[in-house]
Amino acid sequence: MTVSGGTAYVTVAGPVDEVTGWVQIAITGQAPVWARVQDGFAPVKLPTLKPGTNKITATYQGNGELNASSDYTTVKVKKAKKPKKPKKGKKGKGKKGKGKKH
């Protein structure tokens, strides 16, 4: 399994021509996501990951010819930086309203 751009790419290898079935993606603290395996491959769109280290487990459910199996990886997500506030410019110090009276 590899993870890139918010998608987990799961590959299931086996001694059969067409590997099919279902894979479950579990992320600590989040609801699992399911995807259908076709020809040994399943791209899975991931939910938004929390900042810190996230453990992502892929579990292949097996089929009539292949046993179930699982593997995991960890992904580190950096906390988003807060945007810098723009610097306040200095206000002009004109002499507004201080002209001579006639």
Protein backbone atom coordinates (compact mmCIF):
# COMPACT_ATOMS: atom_id res chain seq x y z
CA MET A 1 0.00 0.00 0.00
CA THR A 2 1.18 3.48 -0.81
CA VAL A 3 -0.44 6.78 0.13
CA SER A 4 -0.29 9.89 -2.01
CA GLY A 5 -2.45 12.99 -2.36
CA GLY A 6 -5.26 11.78 -0.11
CA THR A 7 -5.54 8.35 -1.76
CA ALA A 8 -4.35 4.95 -0.57
CA TYR A 9 -3.28 2.67 -3.41
CA VAL A 10 -3.75 -0.95 -2.34
CA THR A 11 -2.26 -3.83 -4.34
CA VAL A 12 -3.32 -7.41 -3.65
CA ALA A 13 -1.10 -10.07 -5.21
CA GLY A 14 -1.99 -13.70 -5.57
CA PRO A 15 -1.48 -16.83 -7.65
CA VAL A 16 -4.67 -16.26 -9.63
CA ASP A 17 -5.18 -14.24 -12.78
CA GLU A 18 -7.82 -11.90 -11.43
CA VAL A 19 -7.64 -10.88 -7.79
CA THR A 20 -11.02 -9.55 -6.72
CA GLY A 21 -12.86 -8.91 -3.48
CA TRP A 22 -13.00 -6.10 -0.94
CA VAL A 23 -10.43 -4.16 1.03
CA GLN A 24 -11.09 -2.17 4.19
CA ILE A 25 -9.00 0.87 5.06
CA ALA A 26 -8.94 1.64 8.78
CA ILE A 27 -7.44 4.84 10.18
CA THR A 28 -7.04 5.21 13.92
CA GLY A 29 -9.95 7.22 15.31
CA GLN A 30 -11.98 7.29 12.07
CA ALA A 31 -14.69 5.21 10.44
CA PRO A 32 -13.39 2.54 8.04
CA VAL A 33 -13.55 3.00 4.27
CA TRP A 34 -14.29 0.12 1.87
CA ALA A 35 -13.23 -0.37 -1.75
CA ARG A 36 -13.64 -3.07 -4.36
CA VAL A 37 -10.46 -4.80 -5.55
CA GLN A 38 -10.36 -5.32 -9.29
CA ASP A 39 -7.45 -6.99 -11.05
CA GLY A 40 -5.48 -6.85 -7.80
CA PHE A 41 -5.73 -3.09 -7.33
CA ALA A 42 -7.90 -0.69 -5.32
CA PRO A 43 -7.45 3.09 -5.12
CA VAL A 44 -9.17 4.33 -1.95
CA LYS A 45 -9.99 8.00 -1.31
CA LEU A 46 -9.04 8.73 2.30
CA PRO A 47 -10.92 10.97 4.72
CA THR A 48 -9.09 14.06 5.97
CA LEU A 49 -6.23 12.97 8.21
CA LYS A 50 -5.55 14.63 11.54
CA PRO A 51 -2.21 16.34 12.21
CA GLY A 52 0.36 13.97 13.68
CA THR A 53 1.09 10.32 12.91
CA ASN A 54 -1.80 8.36 11.40
CA LYS A 55 -1.73 4.56 11.18
CA ILE A 56 -3.50 3.32 8.03
CA THR A 57 -4.34 -0.39 7.88
CA ALA A 58 -5.50 -2.11 4.70
CA THR A 59 -7.28 -5.44 5.21
CA TYR A 60 -8.09 -7.63 2.22
CA GLN A 61 -11.18 -9.69 3.01
CA GLY A 62 -10.16 -12.65 0.86
CA ASN A 63 -12.27 -14.51 -1.68
CA GLY A 64 -12.90 -18.15 -2.60
CA GLU A 65 -9.31 -18.56 -3.84
CA LEU A 66 -7.26 -16.23 -1.61
CA ASN A 67 -7.00 -15.86 2.16
CA ALA A 68 -7.55 -12.59 3.96
CA SER A 69 -4.48 -10.51 4.74
CA SER A 70 -3.58 -7.06 6.02
CA ASP A 71 -0.78 -4.54 6.05
CA TYR A 72 -0.31 -1.07 7.42
CA THR A 73 1.67 2.10 6.94
CA THR A 74 1.99 5.33 8.89
CA VAL A 75 1.59 8.80 7.49
CA LYS A 76 2.77 11.96 9.23
CA VAL A 77 0.60 15.02 8.70
CA LYS A 78 2.01 18.39 9.63
CA LYS A 79 -0.18 20.84 11.45
CA ALA A 80 -1.20 23.64 9.12
CA LYS A 81 0.60 26.89 9.79
CA LYS A 82 -1.55 29.82 10.75
CA PRO A 83 -1.42 32.53 8.12
CA LYS A 84 0.61 35.54 9.15
CA LYS A 85 -1.36 38.65 9.91
CA PRO A 86 -0.49 41.54 7.66
CA LYS A 87 1.61 44.19 9.32
CA LYS A 88 -0.28 47.34 10.15
CA GLY A 89 1.02 50.33 8.29
CA LYS A 90 1.86 53.54 10.11
CA LYS A 91 -0.86 56.10 9.94
CA GLY A 92 0.08 59.46 8.45
CA LYS A 93 0.60 62.25 10.94
CA GLY A 94 -0.89 65.09 8.93
CA LYS A 95 -2.15 68.30 10.56
CA LYS A 96 -5.75 67.74 9.66
CA GLY A 97 -8.07 70.42 11.06
CA LYS A 98 -5.26 72.60 12.47
CA GLY A 99 -5.37 75.37 9.90
CA LYS A 100 -5.63 79.14 10.80
CA LYS A 101 -9.05 80.56 11.47
CA HIS A 102 -10.00 83.68 9.52
